[in-house]
Amino acid sequence: MDTKFFVSRRKARGLSQAVLCEGICTQSTLSKFENNTQVPSLPILRQLCERLDLSIDDLDEERRRSDWLRHQLDWTEEELMVENYQRAKQLLAAIPTAEITSTTAKMQYSYLQGLLVTLVGAADTTALFSFTRILDELDEEHQTIFAQLAYLGEGILYARRRALDQAAFFMAKVKTYLEQLTEQSDPHGDNVNNARLLTMVYYLAEYHALIKEYDQSNKYLDQGLTRCAQEHVTYFLPRLKLLAAQNALETGASPAVVIDNLLDARAFARLNHNNTVLVQSMSLIKHYQDLLAGKPLDEGNAK
């Protein structure tokens, strides 16, 4: 039991031993606990913790450290979703890999490491090792969502290296997984997995746009936008709308359609602090201003 954490919390609150234990136990009982000589009864310990806005579980150093690691991994994943690659890199680098003990956390770390180096154009070998570790070691049966994310990561890597045959092989696995999910009664699950499914949908849309299959790309964009609305997830809305605008541009849609999507991309980028999409959308909006009869660009002009 981490009594040092308990004592530091008491001192941070500016409470003396006498004040903290008043009405709960004797100061001697509290002193023995803080000096690691005797743990008080569970009811007394619970009341002392509640007075410090703690739970008894908070005194479990190993559990508290595990919670921090999980939070750090989830935070890194969020930063990747909004394309804040520098911050994601910093967060991931701060994680002591020797302390990652659960298989799930190891898979999440490997996935994030592989995807990050893929998206920033770093060493291919690092990305491939990270994804292969999931598929060949941590999830040999390929039963978890991280196996599908590893397939996706390899597909993205090969697509961006223009190795399209290899990219198609891995993207096909991700497509099959998503198609099977739609046949289930409850394909959604928790918010974290919803965001991961959106990751798959977005990069499938990006892949099909890359190979100029815009109908397929737009199909996945529609799926992504529908899922965002149904599950109240906004991380991918800026990127979905920006890609929709780029697809509209490539397929010869009217400037108004392009700008309508760009305006949405700009608004959602501001909401989600996605500076990458914000800069891209504002640049494209400026480019299209002259196509709207020189009028100031606002939501009314795009209708």
C-alpha atoms as a PDB file:
ATOM      1  CA  MET A   1       0.000   0.000   0.000  1.00  0.00           C
ATOM      2  CA  ASP A   2       1.452   3.345  -1.053  1.00  0.00           C
ATOM      3  CA  THR A   3       1.402   5.357   2.175  1.00  0.00           C
ATOM      4  CA  LYS A   4       3.784   7.936   0.688  1.00  0.00           C
ATOM      5  CA  PHE A   5       1.106   8.829  -1.845  1.00  0.00           C
ATOM      6  CA  PHE A   6      -1.421   9.102   0.992  1.00  0.00           C
ATOM      7  CA  VAL A   7       0.835  11.413   3.006  1.00  0.00           C
ATOM      8  CA  SER A   8       1.654  13.588  -0.005  1.00  0.00           C
ATOM      9  CA  ARG A   9      -2.070  13.962  -0.730  1.00  0.00           C
ATOM     10  CA  ARG A  10      -2.760  14.968   2.882  1.00  0.00           C
ATOM     11  CA  LYS A  11       0.010  17.556   2.852  1.00  0.00           C
ATOM     12  CA  ALA A  12      -1.057  18.871  -0.545  1.00  0.00           C
ATOM     13  CA  ARG A  13      -4.492  19.506   0.963  1.00  0.00           C
ATOM     14  CA  GLY A  14      -2.875  21.382   3.841  1.00  0.00           C
ATOM     15  CA  LEU A  15      -4.257  19.004   6.477  1.00  0.00           C
ATOM     16  CA  SER A  16      -2.484  18.002   9.646  1.00  0.00           C
ATOM     17  CA  GLN A  17      -2.846  14.486  11.021  1.00  0.00           C
ATOM     18  CA  ALA A  18      -5.082  15.818  13.788  1.00  0.00           C
ATOM     19  CA  VAL A  19      -7.448  17.540  11.376  1.00  0.00           C
ATOM     20  CA  LEU A  20      -7.624  14.615   8.950  1.00  0.00           C
ATOM     21  CA  CYS A  21      -8.456  11.980  11.538  1.00  0.00           C
ATOM     22  CA  GLU A  22     -10.931  14.100  13.529  1.00  0.00           C
ATOM     23  CA  GLY A  23     -14.157  12.159  14.023  1.00  0.00           C
ATOM     24  CA  ILE A  24     -12.714   9.078  12.296  1.00  0.00           C
ATOM     25  CA  CYS A  25      -9.913   7.653  14.413  1.00  0.00           C
ATOM     26  CA  THR A  26      -7.176   8.625  16.831  1.00  0.00           C
ATOM     27  CA  GLN A  27      -4.110  10.494  15.635  1.00  0.00           C
ATOM     28  CA  SER A  28      -2.054   7.538  16.838  1.00  0.00           C
ATOM     29  CA  THR A  29      -3.928   5.223  14.454  1.00  0.00           C
ATOM     30  CA  LEU A  30      -3.288   7.579  11.550  1.00  0.00           C
ATOM     31  CA  SER A  31       0.366   8.019  12.498  1.00  0.00           C
ATOM     32  CA  LYS A  32       0.936   4.260  12.609  1.00  0.00           C
ATOM     33  CA  PHE A  33      -0.577   3.942   9.140  1.00  0.00           C
ATOM     34  CA  GLU A  34       1.504   6.741   7.646  1.00  0.00           C
ATOM     35  CA  ASN A  35       4.653   5.239   9.155  1.00  0.00           C
ATOM     36  CA  ASN A  36       3.874   1.813   7.680  1.00  0.00           C
ATOM     37  CA  THR A  37       3.589   0.100  11.059  1.00  0.00           C
ATOM     38  CA  GLN A  38      -0.142  -0.739  11.110  1.00  0.00           C
ATOM     39  CA  VAL A  39      -2.965  -0.530   8.572  1.00  0.00           C
ATOM     40  CA  PRO A  40      -6.255   0.631  10.125  1.00  0.00           C
ATOM     41  CA  SER A  41      -9.519  -1.234   9.706  1.00  0.00           C
ATOM     42  CA  LEU A  42     -11.189  -1.032   6.298  1.00  0.00           C
ATOM     43  CA  PRO A  43     -14.027   1.314   7.446  1.00  0.00           C
ATOM     44  CA  ILE A  44     -11.506   3.734   8.980  1.00  0.00           C
ATOM     45  CA  LEU A  45      -9.203   3.627   5.956  1.00  0.00           C
ATOM     46  CA  ARG A  46     -12.131   4.215   3.614  1.00  0.00           C
ATOM     47  CA  GLN A  47     -13.255   7.301   5.574  1.00  0.00           C
ATOM     48  CA  LEU A  48      -9.729   8.727   5.654  1.00  0.00           C
ATOM     49  CA  CYS A  49      -9.409   8.242   1.904  1.00  0.00           C
ATOM     50  CA  GLU A  50     -12.810   9.794   1.214  1.00  0.00           C
ATOM     51  CA  ARG A  51     -11.793  12.887   3.193  1.00  0.00           C
ATOM     52  CA  LEU A  52      -8.843  13.217   0.793  1.00  0.00           C
ATOM     53  CA  ASP A  53     -11.015  12.483  -2.291  1.00  0.00           C
ATOM     54  CA  LEU A  54      -9.240   9.176  -2.771  1.00  0.00           C
ATOM     55  CA  SER A  55     -10.385   5.598  -3.113  1.00  0.00           C
ATOM     56  CA  ILE A  56      -8.591   2.713  -1.451  1.00  0.00           C
ATOM     57  CA  ASP A  57      -7.624   1.543  -4.934  1.00  0.00           C
ATOM     58  CA  ASP A  58      -5.722   4.815  -5.365  1.00  0.00           C
ATOM     59  CA  LEU A  59      -3.264   3.567  -2.752  1.00  0.00           C
ATOM     60  CA  ASP A  60      -2.343   0.624  -4.956  1.00  0.00           C
ATOM     61  CA  GLU A  61       0.804   1.941  -6.658  1.00  0.00           C
ATOM     62  CA  GLU A  62       0.858  -0.809  -9.283  1.00  0.00           C
ATOM     63  CA  ARG A  63      -2.746  -0.220 -10.250  1.00  0.00           C
ATOM     64  CA  ARG A  64      -2.262   3.545 -10.318  1.00  0.00           C
ATOM     65  CA  ARG A  65       0.742   3.107 -12.611  1.00  0.00           C
ATOM     66  CA  SER A  66      -1.252   0.780 -14.855  1.00  0.00           C
ATOM     67  CA  ASP A  67      -4.030   3.377 -15.088  1.00  0.00           C
ATOM     68  CA  TRP A  68      -1.462   6.011 -16.062  1.00  0.00           C
ATOM     69  CA  LEU A  69      -0.039   3.789 -18.814  1.00  0.00           C
ATOM     70  CA  ARG A  70      -3.514   3.103 -20.198  1.00  0.00           C
ATOM     71  CA  HIS A  71      -4.329   6.815 -20.143  1.00  0.00           C
ATOM     72  CA  GLN A  72      -1.036   7.639 -21.892  1.00  0.00           C
ATOM     73  CA  LEU A  73      -1.726   5.095 -24.648  1.00  0.00           C
ATOM     74  CA  ASP A  74      -5.296   6.321 -25.171  1.00  0.00           C
ATOM     75  CA  TRP A  75      -4.093   9.931 -25.241  1.00  0.00           C
ATOM     76  CA  THR A  76      -1.514   9.051 -27.883  1.00  0.00           C
ATOM     77  CA  GLU A  77      -4.208   7.383 -29.966  1.00  0.00           C
ATOM     78  CA  GLU A  78      -6.412  10.485 -29.736  1.00  0.00           C
ATOM     79  CA  GLU A  79      -3.553  12.714 -30.887  1.00  0.00           C
ATOM     80  CA  LEU A  80      -2.990  10.447 -33.893  1.00  0.00           C
ATOM     81  CA  MET A  81      -6.661  10.751 -34.811  1.00  0.00           C
ATOM     82  CA  VAL A  82      -6.407  14.550 -34.976  1.00  0.00           C
ATOM     83  CA  GLU A  83      -3.056  14.334 -36.823  1.00  0.00           C
ATOM     84  CA  ASN A  84      -1.042  15.885 -34.010  1.00  0.00           C
ATOM     85  CA  TYR A  85       1.916  13.671 -34.803  1.00  0.00           C
ATOM     86  CA  GLN A  86       4.526  15.578 -32.835  1.00  0.00           C
ATOM     87  CA  ARG A  87       2.494  15.394 -29.647  1.00  0.00           C
ATOM     88  CA  ALA A  88       1.742  11.703 -30.250  1.00  0.00           C
ATOM     89  CA  LYS A  89       5.475  11.065 -30.657  1.00  0.00           C
ATOM     90  CA  GLN A  90       6.233  12.821 -27.368  1.00  0.00           C
ATOM     91  CA  LEU A  91       3.549  10.911 -25.482  1.00  0.00           C
ATOM     92  CA  LEU A  92       4.655   7.566 -26.862  1.00  0.00           C
ATOM     93  CA  ALA A  93       8.302   8.281 -26.066  1.00  0.00           C
ATOM     94  CA  ALA A  94       7.379   9.003 -22.438  1.00  0.00           C
ATOM     95  CA  ILE A  95       5.994   5.492 -21.949  1.00  0.00           C
ATOM     96  CA  PRO A  96       8.481   3.092 -20.295  1.00  0.00           C
ATOM     97  CA  THR A  97       8.014  -0.033 -22.388  1.00  0.00           C
ATOM     98  CA  ALA A  98       9.411  -2.256 -19.624  1.00  0.00           C
ATOM     99  CA  GLU A  99       6.364  -1.390 -17.514  1.00  0.00           C
ATOM    100  CA  ILE A 100       3.854  -2.497 -20.161  1.00  0.00           C
ATOM    101  CA  THR A 101       2.844  -5.922 -18.900  1.00  0.00           C
ATOM    102  CA  SER A 102      -0.637  -6.667 -20.246  1.00  0.00           C
ATOM    103  CA  THR A 103      -0.959  -8.163 -23.721  1.00  0.00           C
ATOM    104  CA  THR A 104      -3.639  -5.635 -24.675  1.00  0.00           C
ATOM    105  CA  ALA A 105      -1.413  -2.713 -23.735  1.00  0.00           C
ATOM    106  CA  LYS A 106       1.493  -4.245 -25.641  1.00  0.00           C
ATOM    107  CA  MET A 107      -0.687  -4.570 -28.744  1.00  0.00           C
ATOM    108  CA  GLN A 108      -1.905  -0.989 -28.425  1.00  0.00           C
ATOM    109  CA  TYR A 109       1.652   0.295 -28.035  1.00  0.00           C
ATOM    110  CA  SER A 110       2.872  -1.697 -31.054  1.00  0.00           C
ATOM    111  CA  TYR A 111      -0.045  -0.498 -33.165  1.00  0.00           C
ATOM    112  CA  LEU A 112       0.519   3.147 -32.214  1.00  0.00           C
ATOM    113  CA  GLN A 113       4.252   2.921 -32.795  1.00  0.00           C
ATOM    114  CA  GLY A 114       3.760   1.314 -36.199  1.00  0.00           C
ATOM    115  CA  LEU A 115       1.061   3.722 -37.318  1.00  0.00           C
ATOM    116  CA  LEU A 116       2.948   6.790 -36.137  1.00  0.00           C
ATOM    117  CA  VAL A 117       6.134   5.996 -38.043  1.00  0.00           C
ATOM    118  CA  THR A 118       4.033   5.076 -41.093  1.00  0.00           C
ATOM    119  CA  LEU A 119       2.154   8.378 -41.095  1.00  0.00           C
ATOM    120  CA  VAL A 120       5.246  10.526 -40.612  1.00  0.00           C
ATOM    121  CA  GLY A 121       7.187   8.646 -43.283  1.00  0.00           C
ATOM    122  CA  ALA A 122       9.804   7.199 -40.943  1.00  0.00           C
ATOM    123  CA  ALA A 123      11.589   3.841 -41.163  1.00  0.00           C
ATOM    124  CA  ASP A 124       9.500   1.159 -42.837  1.00  0.00           C
ATOM    125  CA  THR A 125      11.264  -1.574 -40.886  1.00  0.00           C
ATOM    126  CA  THR A 126      10.072  -0.158 -37.555  1.00  0.00           C
ATOM    127  CA  ALA A 127       6.478  -0.055 -38.741  1.00  0.00           C
ATOM    128  CA  LEU A 128       6.571  -3.559 -40.204  1.00  0.00           C
ATOM    129  CA  PHE A 129       8.163  -4.953 -37.046  1.00  0.00           C
ATOM    130  CA  SER A 130       5.472  -3.339 -34.882  1.00  0.00           C
ATOM    131  CA  PHE A 131       2.592  -4.678 -36.967  1.00  0.00           C
ATOM    132  CA  THR A 132       4.191  -8.117 -37.359  1.00  0.00           C
ATOM    133  CA  ARG A 133       4.695  -8.361 -33.617  1.00  0.00           C
ATOM    134  CA  ILE A 134       0.935  -8.068 -33.136  1.00  0.00           C
ATOM    135  CA  LEU A 135       0.109 -10.613 -35.823  1.00  0.00           C
ATOM    136  CA  ASP A 136       2.839 -13.170 -35.104  1.00  0.00           C
ATOM    137  CA  GLU A 137       3.342 -12.869 -31.348  1.00  0.00           C
ATOM    138  CA  LEU A 138       0.729 -10.935 -29.378  1.00  0.00           C
ATOM    139  CA  ASP A 139      -2.378 -12.061 -31.283  1.00  0.00           C
ATOM    140  CA  GLU A 140      -1.381 -15.145 -33.225  1.00  0.00           C
ATOM    141  CA  GLU A 141      -5.022 -16.139 -33.764  1.00  0.00           C
ATOM    142  CA  HIS A 142      -5.865 -12.645 -35.057  1.00  0.00           C
ATOM    143  CA  GLN A 143      -8.899 -12.420 -32.768  1.00  0.00           C
ATOM    144  CA  THR A 144      -8.595  -8.834 -31.511  1.00  0.00           C
ATOM    145  CA  ILE A 145      -9.238  -5.499 -33.167  1.00  0.00           C
ATOM    146  CA  PHE A 146      -5.490  -4.836 -32.991  1.00  0.00           C
ATOM    147  CA  ALA A 147      -4.882  -7.562 -35.565  1.00  0.00           C
ATOM    148  CA  GLN A 148      -7.202  -5.706 -37.934  1.00  0.00           C
ATOM    149  CA  LEU A 149      -5.468  -2.419 -37.127  1.00  0.00           C
ATOM    150  CA  ALA A 150      -2.133  -4.095 -37.880  1.00  0.00           C
ATOM    151  CA  TYR A 151      -3.506  -5.181 -41.276  1.00  0.00           C
ATOM    152  CA  LEU A 152      -4.666  -1.613 -41.809  1.00  0.00           C
ATOM    153  CA  GLY A 153      -1.271  -0.219 -40.850  1.00  0.00           C
ATOM    154  CA  GLU A 154       0.488  -2.474 -43.324  1.00  0.00           C
ATOM    155  CA  GLY A 155      -2.036  -1.510 -46.001  1.00  0.00           C
ATOM    156  CA  ILE A 156      -1.411   2.203 -45.362  1.00  0.00           C
ATOM    157  CA  LEU A 157       2.342   1.661 -45.405  1.00  0.00           C
ATOM    158  CA  TYR A 158       2.318  -0.162 -48.752  1.00  0.00           C
ATOM    159  CA  ALA A 159      -0.206   2.253 -50.288  1.00  0.00           C
ATOM    160  CA  ARG A 160       1.919   5.258 -49.417  1.00  0.00           C
ATOM    161  CA  ARG A 161       4.947   3.517 -50.885  1.00  0.00           C
ATOM    162  CA  ARG A 162       2.874   2.874 -54.043  1.00  0.00           C
ATOM    163  CA  ALA A 163       3.212  -0.887 -53.581  1.00  0.00           C
ATOM    164  CA  LEU A 164      -0.438  -1.243 -54.503  1.00  0.00           C
ATOM    165  CA  ASP A 165      -0.647  -5.028 -54.859  1.00  0.00           C
ATOM    166  CA  GLN A 166       0.562  -5.485 -51.292  1.00  0.00           C
ATOM    167  CA  ALA A 167      -1.690  -2.663 -50.105  1.00  0.00           C
ATOM    168  CA  ALA A 168      -4.726  -4.283 -51.734  1.00  0.00           C
ATOM    169  CA  PHE A 169      -3.981  -7.575 -49.959  1.00  0.00           C
ATOM    170  CA  PHE A 170      -4.093  -6.025 -46.494  1.00  0.00           C
ATOM    171  CA  MET A 171      -6.921  -3.587 -47.201  1.00  0.00           C
ATOM    172  CA  ALA A 172      -9.068  -6.520 -48.372  1.00  0.00           C
ATOM    173  CA  LYS A 173      -8.706  -8.095 -44.922  1.00  0.00           C
ATOM    174  CA  VAL A 174      -9.883  -4.881 -43.261  1.00  0.00           C
ATOM    175  CA  LYS A 175     -12.852  -4.616 -45.632  1.00  0.00           C
ATOM    176  CA  THR A 176     -13.906  -8.180 -44.813  1.00  0.00           C
ATOM    177  CA  TYR A 177     -13.720  -7.423 -41.109  1.00  0.00           C
ATOM    178  CA  LEU A 178     -15.914  -4.338 -41.456  1.00  0.00           C
ATOM    179  CA  GLU A 179     -18.425  -6.194 -43.622  1.00  0.00           C
ATOM    180  CA  GLN A 180     -18.715  -8.921 -41.008  1.00  0.00           C
ATOM    181  CA  LEU A 181     -19.324  -6.347 -38.309  1.00  0.00           C
ATOM    182  CA  THR A 182     -22.337  -4.923 -40.142  1.00  0.00           C
ATOM    183  CA  GLU A 183     -23.971  -8.348 -39.942  1.00  0.00           C
ATOM    184  CA  GLN A 184     -23.779  -8.409 -36.153  1.00  0.00           C
ATOM    185  CA  SER A 185     -26.585  -7.136 -33.959  1.00  0.00           C
ATOM    186  CA  ASP A 186     -24.293  -4.844 -31.958  1.00  0.00           C
ATOM    187  CA  PRO A 187     -21.298  -3.891 -34.125  1.00  0.00           C
ATOM    188  CA  HIS A 188     -20.410  -0.784 -32.189  1.00  0.00           C
ATOM    189  CA  GLY A 189     -19.101  -1.549 -28.705  1.00  0.00           C
ATOM    190  CA  ASP A 190     -17.397   1.123 -26.622  1.00  0.00           C
ATOM    191  CA  ASN A 191     -16.252   4.581 -27.681  1.00  0.00           C
ATOM    192  CA  VAL A 192     -12.611   3.557 -28.033  1.00  0.00           C
ATOM    193  CA  ASN A 193     -13.407   0.768 -30.477  1.00  0.00           C
ATOM    194  CA  ASN A 194     -15.834   3.033 -32.341  1.00  0.00           C
ATOM    195  CA  ALA A 195     -12.953   5.433 -32.939  1.00  0.00           C
ATOM    196  CA  ARG A 196     -10.785   2.544 -34.133  1.00  0.00           C
ATOM    197  CA  LEU A 197     -13.464   1.423 -36.568  1.00  0.00           C
ATOM    198  CA  LEU A 198     -13.586   4.990 -37.873  1.00  0.00           C
ATOM    199  CA  THR A 199      -9.824   4.799 -38.342  1.00  0.00           C
ATOM    200  CA  MET A 200     -10.352   1.787 -40.606  1.00  0.00           C
ATOM    201  CA  VAL A 201     -13.173   3.446 -42.537  1.00  0.00           C
ATOM    202  CA  TYR A 202     -11.214   6.654 -43.093  1.00  0.00           C
ATOM    203  CA  TYR A 203      -8.058   4.976 -44.358  1.00  0.00           C
ATOM    204  CA  LEU A 204     -10.065   2.704 -46.652  1.00  0.00           C
ATOM    205  CA  ALA A 205     -11.614   5.864 -48.110  1.00  0.00           C
ATOM    206  CA  GLU A 206      -8.148   7.403 -48.462  1.00  0.00           C
ATOM    207  CA  TYR A 207      -6.802   4.238 -50.112  1.00  0.00           C
ATOM    208  CA  HIS A 208      -9.554   4.132 -52.732  1.00  0.00           C
ATOM    209  CA  ALA A 209      -9.076   7.833 -53.442  1.00  0.00           C
ATOM    210  CA  LEU A 210      -5.361   7.173 -53.919  1.00  0.00           C
ATOM    211  CA  ILE A 211      -6.082   4.562 -56.595  1.00  0.00           C
ATOM    212  CA  LYS A 212      -8.771   6.841 -58.078  1.00  0.00           C
ATOM    213  CA  GLU A 213     -11.718   4.625 -57.174  1.00  0.00           C
ATOM    214  CA  TYR A 214     -13.786   7.571 -56.039  1.00  0.00           C
ATOM    215  CA  ASP A 215     -17.137   5.802 -55.845  1.00  0.00           C
ATOM    216  CA  GLN A 216     -15.666   3.300 -53.385  1.00  0.00           C
ATOM    217  CA  SER A 217     -13.908   6.075 -51.512  1.00  0.00           C
ATOM    218  CA  ASN A 218     -17.140   8.045 -51.191  1.00  0.00           C
ATOM    219  CA  LYS A 219     -18.933   4.905 -49.989  1.00  0.00           C
ATOM    220  CA  TYR A 220     -16.540   4.662 -47.053  1.00  0.00           C
ATOM    221  CA  LEU A 221     -16.775   8.396 -46.445  1.00  0.00           C
ATOM    222  CA  ASP A 222     -20.549   8.044 -46.146  1.00  0.00           C
ATOM    223  CA  GLN A 223     -20.092   5.137 -43.745  1.00  0.00           C
ATOM    224  CA  GLY A 224     -17.723   7.223 -41.666  1.00  0.00           C
ATOM    225  CA  LEU A 225     -20.025  10.217 -41.503  1.00  0.00           C
ATOM    226  CA  THR A 226     -22.959   7.982 -40.568  1.00  0.00           C
ATOM    227  CA  ARG A 227     -20.953   6.319 -37.814  1.00  0.00           C
ATOM    228  CA  CYS A 228     -19.802   9.709 -36.500  1.00  0.00           C
ATOM    229  CA  ALA A 229     -23.427  10.837 -36.259  1.00  0.00           C
ATOM    230  CA  GLN A 230     -24.685   7.609 -34.690  1.00  0.00           C
ATOM    231  CA  GLU A 231     -21.920   7.226 -32.146  1.00  0.00           C
ATOM    232  CA  HIS A 232     -21.284  10.945 -31.448  1.00  0.00           C
ATOM    233  CA  VAL A 233     -17.604  10.645 -32.365  1.00  0.00           C
ATOM    234  CA  THR A 234     -16.062  13.764 -33.886  1.00  0.00           C
ATOM    235  CA  TYR A 235     -12.350  13.001 -34.199  1.00  0.00           C
ATOM    236  CA  PHE A 236     -12.560  11.983 -37.844  1.00  0.00           C
ATOM    237  CA  LEU A 237     -15.152  14.481 -39.083  1.00  0.00           C
ATOM    238  CA  PRO A 238     -12.538  17.054 -40.241  1.00  0.00           C
ATOM    239  CA  ARG A 239     -10.594  14.434 -42.217  1.00  0.00           C
ATOM    240  CA  LEU A 240     -13.702  12.796 -43.671  1.00  0.00           C
ATOM    241  CA  LYS A 241     -15.031  16.141 -44.888  1.00  0.00           C
ATOM    242  CA  LEU A 242     -11.669  17.219 -46.306  1.00  0.00           C
ATOM    243  CA  LEU A 243     -11.306  13.973 -48.236  1.00  0.00           C
ATOM    244  CA  ALA A 244     -14.903  14.343 -49.460  1.00  0.00           C
ATOM    245  CA  ALA A 245     -13.975  17.790 -50.807  1.00  0.00           C
ATOM    246  CA  GLN A 246     -10.866  16.414 -52.506  1.00  0.00           C
ATOM    247  CA  ASN A 247     -12.891  13.589 -54.083  1.00  0.00           C
ATOM    248  CA  ALA A 248     -15.475  16.082 -55.294  1.00  0.00           C
ATOM    249  CA  LEU A 249     -12.690  18.139 -56.839  1.00  0.00           C
ATOM    250  CA  GLU A 250     -11.173  15.104 -58.597  1.00  0.00           C
ATOM    251  CA  THR A 251     -14.526  13.984 -59.998  1.00  0.00           C
ATOM    252  CA  GLY A 252     -15.467  17.390 -61.393  1.00  0.00           C
ATOM    253  CA  ALA A 253     -18.160  18.366 -58.906  1.00  0.00           C
ATOM    254  CA  SER A 254     -19.239  21.995 -58.797  1.00  0.00           C
ATOM    255  CA  PRO A 255     -17.172  24.468 -56.773  1.00  0.00           C
ATOM    256  CA  ALA A 256     -20.145  24.903 -54.429  1.00  0.00           C
ATOM    257  CA  VAL A 257     -20.088  21.200 -53.535  1.00  0.00           C
ATOM    258  CA  VAL A 258     -16.346  21.300 -52.936  1.00  0.00           C
ATOM    259  CA  ILE A 259     -16.581  24.376 -50.761  1.00  0.00           C
ATOM    260  CA  ASP A 260     -19.563  23.017 -48.826  1.00  0.00           C
ATOM    261  CA  ASN A 261     -17.389  20.121 -47.678  1.00  0.00           C
ATOM    262  CA  LEU A 262     -14.429  22.410 -47.046  1.00  0.00           C
ATOM    263  CA  LEU A 263     -16.508  24.646 -44.814  1.00  0.00           C
ATOM    264  CA  ASP A 264     -17.560  21.633 -42.788  1.00  0.00           C
ATOM    265  CA  ALA A 265     -13.942  20.427 -42.642  1.00  0.00           C
ATOM    266  CA  ARG A 266     -12.810  23.835 -41.402  1.00  0.00           C
ATOM    267  CA  ALA A 267     -15.525  23.994 -38.733  1.00  0.00           C
ATOM    268  CA  PHE A 268     -14.890  20.493 -37.430  1.00  0.00           C
ATOM    269  CA  ALA A 269     -11.126  21.023 -37.553  1.00  0.00           C
ATOM    270  CA  ARG A 270     -11.507  24.010 -35.245  1.00  0.00           C
ATOM    271  CA  LEU A 271     -13.762  22.010 -32.936  1.00  0.00           C
ATOM    272  CA  ASN A 272     -11.288  19.113 -32.723  1.00  0.00           C
ATOM    273  CA  HIS A 273      -8.098  21.218 -32.770  1.00  0.00           C
ATOM    274  CA  ASN A 274      -6.934  19.509 -35.948  1.00  0.00           C
ATOM    275  CA  ASN A 275      -4.511  22.122 -37.236  1.00  0.00           C
ATOM    276  CA  THR A 276      -3.436  20.002 -40.200  1.00  0.00           C
ATOM    277  CA  VAL A 277      -6.942  19.891 -41.678  1.00  0.00           C
ATOM    278  CA  LEU A 278      -7.580  23.493 -40.667  1.00  0.00           C
ATOM    279  CA  VAL A 279      -4.618  24.761 -42.675  1.00  0.00           C
ATOM    280  CA  GLN A 280      -5.429  22.569 -45.690  1.00  0.00           C
ATOM    281  CA  SER A 281      -9.113  23.464 -45.754  1.00  0.00           C
ATOM    282  CA  MET A 282      -8.491  27.200 -45.387  1.00  0.00           C
ATOM    283  CA  SER A 283      -5.941  27.095 -48.207  1.00  0.00           C
ATOM    284  CA  LEU A 284      -8.391  25.318 -50.524  1.00  0.00           C
ATOM    285  CA  ILE A 285     -11.236  27.663 -49.545  1.00  0.00           C
ATOM    286  CA  LYS A 286      -9.095  30.647 -50.459  1.00  0.00           C
ATOM    287  CA  HIS A 287      -8.315  29.020 -53.799  1.00  0.00           C
ATOM    288  CA  TYR A 288     -12.014  28.683 -54.582  1.00  0.00           C
ATOM    289  CA  GLN A 289     -13.154  32.139 -53.526  1.00  0.00           C
ATOM    290  CA  ASP A 290     -12.889  33.481 -57.063  1.00  0.00           C
ATOM    291  CA  LEU A 291     -15.197  30.708 -58.336  1.00  0.00           C
ATOM    292  CA  LEU A 292     -18.093  32.129 -56.360  1.00  0.00           C
ATOM    293  CA  ALA A 293     -18.358  35.369 -58.299  1.00  0.00           C
ATOM    294  CA  GLY A 294     -15.923  37.137 -56.038  1.00  0.00           C
ATOM    295  CA  LYS A 295     -18.382  37.123 -53.140  1.00  0.00           C
ATOM    296  CA  PRO A 296     -17.105  36.777 -49.558  1.00  0.00           C
ATOM    297  CA  LEU A 297     -17.071  33.097 -48.658  1.00  0.00           C
ATOM    298  CA  ASP A 298     -19.479  32.016 -45.951  1.00  0.00           C
ATOM    299  CA  GLU A 299     -22.002  29.260 -45.443  1.00  0.00           C
ATOM    300  CA  GLY A 300     -24.580  31.149 -47.489  1.00  0.00           C
ATOM    301  CA  ASN A 301     -22.333  31.302 -50.552  1.00  0.00           C
ATOM    302  CA  ALA A 302     -21.927  27.543 -50.652  1.00  0.00           C
ATOM    303  CA  LYS A 303     -25.625  26.764 -50.745  1.00  0.00           C
END
